PDB file of all heavy atoms in Angstrom:
ATOM      1  N   LYS A   1      88.324  86.566 122.545  1.00  0.00           N
ATOM      2  CA  LYS A   1      88.762  86.505 121.208  1.00  0.00           C
ATOM      3  C   LYS A   1      89.248  85.211 120.800  1.00  0.00           C
ATOM      4  O   LYS A   1      89.135  84.617 119.802  1.00  0.00           O
ATOM      5  CB  LYS A   1      89.981  87.493 121.061  1.00  0.00           C
ATOM      6  CG  LYS A   1      90.575  87.662 119.676  1.00  0.00           C
ATOM      7  CD  LYS A   1      91.586  88.768 119.664  1.00  0.00           C
ATOM      8  CE  LYS A   1      92.133  88.968 118.217  1.00  0.00           C
ATOM      9  NZ  LYS A   1      93.042  89.980 118.227  1.00  0.00           N
ATOM     10  N   GLU A   2      90.002  84.429 121.749  1.00  0.00           N
ATOM     11  CA  GLU A   2      90.445  83.106 121.461  1.00  0.00           C
ATOM     12  C   GLU A   2      90.006  82.268 122.739  1.00  0.00           C
ATOM     13  O   GLU A   2      90.718  81.841 123.581  1.00  0.00           O
ATOM     14  CB  GLU A   2      92.028  83.053 121.477  1.00  0.00           C
ATOM     15  CG  GLU A   2      92.529  83.761 120.137  1.00  0.00           C
ATOM     16  CD  GLU A   2      92.234  83.179 118.865  1.00  0.00           C
ATOM     17  OE1 GLU A   2      91.854  81.892 118.969  1.00  0.00           O
ATOM     18  OE2 GLU A   2      92.099  83.755 117.921  1.00  0.00           O
ATOM     19  N   ALA A   3      88.595  81.983 122.629  1.00  0.00           N
ATOM     20  CA  ALA A   3      88.185  81.160 123.705  1.00  0.00           C
ATOM     21  C   ALA A   3      88.692  79.693 123.732  1.00  0.00           C
ATOM     22  O   ALA A   3      88.867  79.125 122.689  1.00  0.00           O
ATOM     23  CB  ALA A   3      86.600  80.893 123.603  1.00  0.00           C
ATOM     24  N   PRO A   4      89.219  79.140 124.839  1.00  0.00           N
ATOM     25  CA  PRO A   4      89.771  77.917 124.972  1.00  0.00           C
ATOM     26  C   PRO A   4      88.761  76.866 124.816  1.00  0.00           C
ATOM     27  O   PRO A   4      87.592  76.998 125.116  1.00  0.00           O
ATOM     28  CB  PRO A   4      90.397  77.883 126.336  1.00  0.00           C
ATOM     29  CG  PRO A   4      89.554  78.855 127.108  1.00  0.00           C
ATOM     30  CD  PRO A   4      89.106  79.803 126.226  1.00  0.00           C
ATOM     31  N   ARG A   5      89.151  75.642 124.277  1.00  0.00           N
ATOM     32  CA  ARG A   5      88.355  74.474 124.237  1.00  0.00           C
ATOM     33  C   ARG A   5      87.973  74.052 125.618  1.00  0.00           C
ATOM     34  O   ARG A   5      88.914  74.058 126.437  1.00  0.00           O
ATOM     35  CB  ARG A   5      89.067  73.322 123.364  1.00  0.00           C
ATOM     36  CG  ARG A   5      89.221  73.818 122.006  1.00  0.00           C
ATOM     37  CD  ARG A   5      89.947  72.519 121.238  1.00  0.00           C
ATOM     38  NE  ARG A   5      90.464  72.946 119.901  1.00  0.00           N
ATOM     39  CZ  ARG A   5      90.920  72.037 119.006  1.00  0.00           C
ATOM     40  NH1 ARG A   5      90.760  70.744 119.293  1.00  0.00           N
ATOM     41  NH2 ARG A   5      91.357  72.560 117.913  1.00  0.00           N
ATOM     42  N   GLN A   6      86.840  73.494 125.753  1.00  0.00           N
ATOM     43  CA  GLN A   6      86.414  72.898 127.098  1.00  0.00           C
ATOM     44  C   GLN A   6      86.092  71.416 126.946  1.00  0.00           C
ATOM     45  O   GLN A   6      85.338  71.122 125.889  1.00  0.00           O
ATOM     46  CB  GLN A   6      85.260  73.791 127.680  1.00  0.00           C
ATOM     47  CG  GLN A   6      85.583  75.036 128.120  1.00  0.00           C
ATOM     48  CD  GLN A   6      86.540  75.269 129.161  1.00  0.00           C
ATOM     49  OE1 GLN A   6      86.437  74.452 130.210  1.00  0.00           O
ATOM     50  NE2 GLN A   6      87.578  75.955 129.059  1.00  0.00           N
ATOM     51  N   ARG A   7      86.513  70.687 127.835  1.00  0.00           N
ATOM     52  CA  ARG A   7      86.348  69.169 127.855  1.00  0.00           C
ATOM     53  C   ARG A   7      84.952  68.875 128.552  1.00  0.00           C
ATOM     54  O   ARG A   7      84.865  69.239 129.763  1.00  0.00           O
ATOM     55  CB  ARG A   7      87.478  68.541 128.541  1.00  0.00           C
ATOM     56  CG  ARG A   7      87.512  67.091 128.336  1.00  0.00           C
ATOM     57  CD  ARG A   7      88.648  66.407 129.194  1.00  0.00           C
ATOM     58  NE  ARG A   7      89.849  67.107 128.968  1.00  0.00           N
ATOM     59  CZ  ARG A   7      91.013  66.510 128.238  1.00  0.00           C
ATOM     60  NH1 ARG A   7      90.864  65.261 127.864  1.00  0.00           N
ATOM     61  NH2 ARG A   7      92.008  67.168 128.105  1.00  0.00           N
ATOM     62  N   VAL A   8      84.132  68.225 127.785  1.00  0.00           N
ATOM     63  CA  VAL A   8      82.816  67.867 128.427  1.00  0.00           C
ATOM     64  C   VAL A   8      83.003  66.411 128.834  1.00  0.00           C
ATOM     65  O   VAL A   8      83.349  65.524 128.109  1.00  0.00           O
ATOM     66  CB  VAL A   8      81.662  68.007 127.429  1.00  0.00           C
ATOM     67  CG1 VAL A   8      80.354  67.490 127.984  1.00  0.00           C
ATOM     68  CG2 VAL A   8      81.539  69.474 127.084  1.00  0.00           C
ATOM     69  N   LEU A   9      82.473  66.126 130.150  1.00  0.00           N
ATOM     70  CA  LEU A   9      82.658  64.767 130.708  1.00  0.00           C
ATOM     71  C   LEU A   9      81.294  64.102 130.876  1.00  0.00           C
ATOM     72  O   LEU A   9      80.376  64.676 131.077  1.00  0.00           O
ATOM     73  CB  LEU A   9      83.454  64.855 132.047  1.00  0.00           C
ATOM     74  CG  LEU A   9      84.679  65.656 132.085  1.00  0.00           C
ATOM     75  CD1 LEU A   9      85.267  65.574 133.482  1.00  0.00           C
ATOM     76  CD2 LEU A   9      85.749  64.940 131.092  1.00  0.00           C
ATOM     77  N   PRO A  10      81.307  62.754 130.842  1.00  0.00           N
ATOM     78  CA  PRO A  10      80.081  61.927 131.176  1.00  0.00           C
ATOM     79  C   PRO A  10      79.604  62.362 132.588  1.00  0.00           C
ATOM     80  O   PRO A  10      80.339  62.462 133.505  1.00  0.00           O
ATOM     81  CB  PRO A  10      80.539  60.534 131.082  1.00  0.00           C
ATOM     82  CG  PRO A  10      81.755  60.560 130.148  1.00  0.00           C
ATOM     83  CD  PRO A  10      82.491  61.805 130.511  1.00  0.00           C
ATOM     84  N   ASP A  11      78.189  62.434 132.710  1.00  0.00           N
ATOM     85  CA  ASP A  11      77.726  62.682 134.089  1.00  0.00           C
ATOM     86  C   ASP A  11      76.540  61.821 134.310  1.00  0.00           C
ATOM     87  O   ASP A  11      75.876  61.883 135.358  1.00  0.00           O
ATOM     88  CB  ASP A  11      77.378  64.114 134.217  1.00  0.00           C
ATOM     89  CG  ASP A  11      76.227  64.712 133.375  1.00  0.00           C
ATOM     90  OD1 ASP A  11      75.739  63.887 132.492  1.00  0.00           O
ATOM     91  OD2 ASP A  11      75.864  65.901 133.520  1.00  0.00           O
ATOM     92  N   GLY A  12      76.098  60.923 133.357  1.00  0.00           N
ATOM     93  CA  GLY A  12      75.025  60.003 133.476  1.00  0.00           C
ATOM     94  C   GLY A  12      73.601  60.664 133.331  1.00  0.00           C
ATOM     95  O   GLY A  12      72.615  59.932 133.405  1.00  0.00           O
ATOM     96  N   CYS A  13      73.582  61.947 132.942  1.00  0.00           N
ATOM     97  CA  CYS A  13      72.204  62.563 132.726  1.00  0.00           C
ATOM     98  C   CYS A  13      72.112  62.850 131.315  1.00  0.00           C
ATOM     99  O   CYS A  13      73.068  62.831 130.380  1.00  0.00           O
ATOM    100  CB  CYS A  13      72.219  63.976 133.534  1.00  0.00           C
ATOM    101  SG  CYS A  13      72.147  63.635 135.331  1.00  0.00           S
ATOM    102  N   ILE A  14      70.886  63.216 130.813  1.00  0.00           N
ATOM    103  CA  ILE A  14      70.478  63.524 129.503  1.00  0.00           C
ATOM    104  C   ILE A  14      70.024  64.936 129.606  1.00  0.00           C
ATOM    105  O   ILE A  14      69.327  65.424 130.511  1.00  0.00           O
ATOM    106  CB  ILE A  14      69.371  62.724 128.927  1.00  0.00           C
ATOM    107  CG1 ILE A  14      69.952  61.321 128.654  1.00  0.00           C
ATOM    108  CG2 ILE A  14      68.863  63.199 127.601  1.00  0.00           C
ATOM    109  CD1 ILE A  14      68.914  60.286 128.041  1.00  0.00           C
ATOM    110  N   GLU A  15      70.479  65.934 128.713  1.00  0.00           N
ATOM    111  CA  GLU A  15      70.221  67.277 128.683  1.00  0.00           C
ATOM    112  C   GLU A  15      69.354  67.756 127.430  1.00  0.00           C
ATOM    113  O   GLU A  15      69.709  67.247 126.335  1.00  0.00           O
ATOM    114  CB  GLU A  15      71.519  68.098 128.677  1.00  0.00           C
ATOM    115  CG  GLU A  15      72.591  67.644 129.570  1.00  0.00           C
ATOM    116  CD  GLU A  15      72.547  68.286 130.982  1.00  0.00           C
ATOM    117  OE1 GLU A  15      71.654  69.179 131.170  1.00  0.00           O
ATOM    118  OE2 GLU A  15      73.402  68.011 131.865  1.00  0.00           O
ATOM    119  N   LEU A  16      68.260  68.504 127.709  1.00  0.00           N
ATOM    120  CA  LEU A  16      67.603  69.160 126.613  1.00  0.00           C
ATOM    121  C   LEU A  16      68.126  70.742 126.654  1.00  0.00           C
ATOM    122  O   LEU A  16      68.074  71.351 127.629  1.00  0.00           O
ATOM    123  CB  LEU A  16      66.059  69.124 126.827  1.00  0.00           C
ATOM    124  CG  LEU A  16      65.277  69.521 125.712  1.00  0.00           C
ATOM    125  CD1 LEU A  16      63.779  68.955 125.897  1.00  0.00           C
ATOM    126  CD2 LEU A  16      65.087  70.938 125.507  1.00  0.00           C
ATOM    127  N   PHE A  17      68.671  71.133 125.540  1.00  0.00           N
ATOM    128  CA  PHE A  17      69.594  72.201 125.432  1.00  0.00           C
ATOM    129  C   PHE A  17      69.102  73.177 124.532  1.00  0.00           C
ATOM    130  O   PHE A  17      68.758  72.950 123.381  1.00  0.00           O
ATOM    131  CB  PHE A  17      70.936  71.732 125.185  1.00  0.00           C
ATOM    132  CG  PHE A  17      72.169  72.626 125.626  1.00  0.00           C
ATOM    133  CD1 PHE A  17      72.704  72.362 126.800  1.00  0.00           C
ATOM    134  CD2 PHE A  17      72.606  73.570 124.831  1.00  0.00           C
ATOM    135  CE1 PHE A  17      73.795  73.176 127.158  1.00  0.00           C
ATOM    136  CE2 PHE A  17      73.624  74.305 125.202  1.00  0.00           C
ATOM    137  CZ  PHE A  17      74.269  74.104 126.326  1.00  0.00           C
ATOM    138  N   PHE A  18      69.172  74.556 124.764  1.00  0.00           N
ATOM    139  CA  PHE A  18      68.847  75.692 123.951  1.00  0.00           C
ATOM    140  C   PHE A  18      70.183  76.636 123.870  1.00  0.00           C
ATOM    141  O   PHE A  18      70.470  77.026 124.958  1.00  0.00           O
ATOM    142  CB  PHE A  18      67.678  76.484 124.400  1.00  0.00           C
ATOM    143  CG  PHE A  18      66.384  75.657 124.147  1.00  0.00           C
ATOM    144  CD1 PHE A  18      65.907  74.868 125.328  1.00  0.00           C
ATOM    145  CD2 PHE A  18      65.641  75.686 123.138  1.00  0.00           C
ATOM    146  CE1 PHE A  18      64.774  74.255 125.202  1.00  0.00           C
ATOM    147  CE2 PHE A  18      64.444  74.901 123.008  1.00  0.00           C
ATOM    148  CZ  PHE A  18      63.986  74.245 124.087  1.00  0.00           C
ATOM    149  N   ILE A  19      70.653  76.837 122.698  1.00  0.00           N
ATOM    150  CA  ILE A  19      71.806  77.744 122.689  1.00  0.00           C
ATOM    151  C   ILE A  19      71.195  79.167 122.182  1.00  0.00           C
ATOM    152  O   ILE A  19      70.534  79.232 121.205  1.00  0.00           O
ATOM    153  CB  ILE A  19      72.773  77.293 121.471  1.00  0.00           C
ATOM    154  CG1 ILE A  19      73.496  75.997 121.937  1.00  0.00           C
ATOM    155  CG2 ILE A  19      73.818  78.300 121.296  1.00  0.00           C
ATOM    156  CD1 ILE A  19      74.337  75.338 120.983  1.00  0.00           C
ATOM    157  N   LEU A  20      71.199  80.151 123.154  1.00  0.00           N
ATOM    158  CA  LEU A  20      70.671  81.413 122.961  1.00  0.00           C
ATOM    159  C   LEU A  20      71.617  82.433 122.568  1.00  0.00           C
ATOM    160  O   LEU A  20      71.253  83.581 122.147  1.00  0.00           O
ATOM    161  CB  LEU A  20      69.787  81.795 124.257  1.00  0.00           C
ATOM    162  CG  LEU A  20      68.809  80.747 124.874  1.00  0.00           C
ATOM    163  CD1 LEU A  20      68.310  81.219 126.131  1.00  0.00           C
ATOM    164  CD2 LEU A  20      67.789  80.516 123.711  1.00  0.00           C
ATOM    165  N   GLY A  21      72.908  82.108 122.804  1.00  0.00           N
ATOM    166  CA  GLY A  21      74.012  83.118 122.329  1.00  0.00           C
ATOM    167  C   GLY A  21      74.540  82.607 120.964  1.00  0.00           C
ATOM    168  O   GLY A  21      73.837  82.260 120.130  1.00  0.00           O
ATOM    169  N   ASP A  22      75.953  82.854 120.942  1.00  0.00           N
ATOM    170  CA  ASP A  22      76.580  82.472 119.749  1.00  0.00           C
ATOM    171  C   ASP A  22      76.737  80.978 119.507  1.00  0.00           C
ATOM    172  O   ASP A  22      76.525  80.229 120.469  1.00  0.00           O
ATOM    173  CB  ASP A  22      77.896  83.284 119.620  1.00  0.00           C
ATOM    174  CG  ASP A  22      77.728  84.825 119.489  1.00  0.00           C
ATOM    175  OD1 ASP A  22      76.849  85.259 118.734  1.00  0.00           O
ATOM    176  OD2 ASP A  22      78.449  85.494 120.126  1.00  0.00           O
ATOM    177  N   ASP A  23      77.099  80.613 118.332  1.00  0.00           N
ATOM    178  CA  ASP A  23      77.347  79.179 118.009  1.00  0.00           C
ATOM    179  C   ASP A  23      78.342  78.517 118.953  1.00  0.00           C
ATOM    180  O   ASP A  23      79.173  79.169 119.459  1.00  0.00           O
ATOM    181  CB  ASP A  23      77.596  78.948 116.578  1.00  0.00           C
ATOM    182  CG  ASP A  23      76.519  79.156 115.669  1.00  0.00           C
ATOM    183  OD1 ASP A  23      75.241  79.016 116.067  1.00  0.00           O
ATOM    184  OD2 ASP A  23      76.781  79.418 114.452  1.00  0.00           O
ATOM    185  N   ILE A  24      78.252  77.185 119.117  1.00  0.00           N
ATOM    186  CA  ILE A  24      79.184  76.413 119.783  1.00  0.00           C
ATOM    187  C   ILE A  24      79.703  75.219 118.907  1.00  0.00           C
ATOM    188  O   ILE A  24      78.926  74.580 118.295  1.00  0.00           O
ATOM    189  CB  ILE A  24      78.634  75.782 121.097  1.00  0.00           C
ATOM    190  CG1 ILE A  24      78.132  76.996 122.034  1.00  0.00           C
ATOM    191  CG2 ILE A  24      79.594  74.851 121.796  1.00  0.00           C
ATOM    192  CD1 ILE A  24      77.459  76.459 123.291  1.00  0.00           C
ATOM    193  N   ARG A  25      81.139  75.065 118.824  1.00  0.00           N
ATOM    194  CA  ARG A  25      81.706  74.095 118.118  1.00  0.00           C
ATOM    195  C   ARG A  25      81.868  72.814 118.935  1.00  0.00           C
ATOM    196  O   ARG A  25      82.124  72.909 120.059  1.00  0.00           O
ATOM    197  CB  ARG A  25      83.012  74.592 117.585  1.00  0.00           C
ATOM    198  CG  ARG A  25      82.884  75.893 116.832  1.00  0.00           C
ATOM    199  CD  ARG A  25      84.395  76.250 116.204  1.00  0.00           C
ATOM    200  NE  ARG A  25      84.377  77.522 115.649  1.00  0.00           N
ATOM    201  CZ  ARG A  25      85.033  78.679 116.150  1.00  0.00           C
ATOM    202  NH1 ARG A  25      85.644  78.599 117.421  1.00  0.00           N
ATOM    203  NH2 ARG A  25      84.943  79.771 115.551  1.00  0.00           N
ATOM    204  N   ARG A  26      81.645  71.693 118.302  1.00  0.00           N
ATOM    205  CA  ARG A  26      82.137  70.409 119.054  1.00  0.00           C
ATOM    206  C   ARG A  26      83.147  69.719 118.141  1.00  0.00           C
ATOM    207  O   ARG A  26      82.865  69.470 116.926  1.00  0.00           O
ATOM    208  CB  ARG A  26      81.026  69.433 119.283  1.00  0.00           C
ATOM    209  CG  ARG A  26      81.437  68.147 119.867  1.00  0.00           C
ATOM    210  CD  ARG A  26      80.378  67.222 120.312  1.00  0.00           C
ATOM    211  NE  ARG A  26      79.592  66.640 119.232  1.00  0.00           N
ATOM    212  CZ  ARG A  26      79.860  65.657 118.554  1.00  0.00           C
ATOM    213  NH1 ARG A  26      81.081  64.964 118.843  1.00  0.00           N
ATOM    214  NH2 ARG A  26      79.002  65.190 117.622  1.00  0.00           N
ATOM    215  N   PHE A  27      84.313  69.532 118.670  1.00  0.00           N
ATOM    216  CA  PHE A  27      85.303  68.961 117.837  1.00  0.00           C
ATOM    217  C   PHE A  27      85.134  67.370 117.723  1.00  0.00           C
ATOM    218  O   PHE A  27      85.003  66.712 118.775  1.00  0.00           O
ATOM    219  CB  PHE A  27      86.800  69.235 118.502  1.00  0.00           C
ATOM    220  CG  PHE A  27      87.156  70.616 118.263  1.00  0.00           C
ATOM    221  CD1 PHE A  27      86.655  71.700 119.015  1.00  0.00           C
ATOM    222  CD2 PHE A  27      87.937  70.962 117.240  1.00  0.00           C
ATOM    223  CE1 PHE A  27      86.993  72.945 118.876  1.00  0.00           C
ATOM    224  CE2 PHE A  27      88.238  72.286 116.862  1.00  0.00           C
ATOM    225  CZ  PHE A  27      87.763  73.299 117.753  1.00  0.00           C
TER     226      PHE A  27
END
């Protein structure tokens, strides 16, 4: 219901990404 924000950190890699569920917000 109130999902916490998650901090994404640098990892040196590049990602090709598919969101198959609900939307994701980036602040």
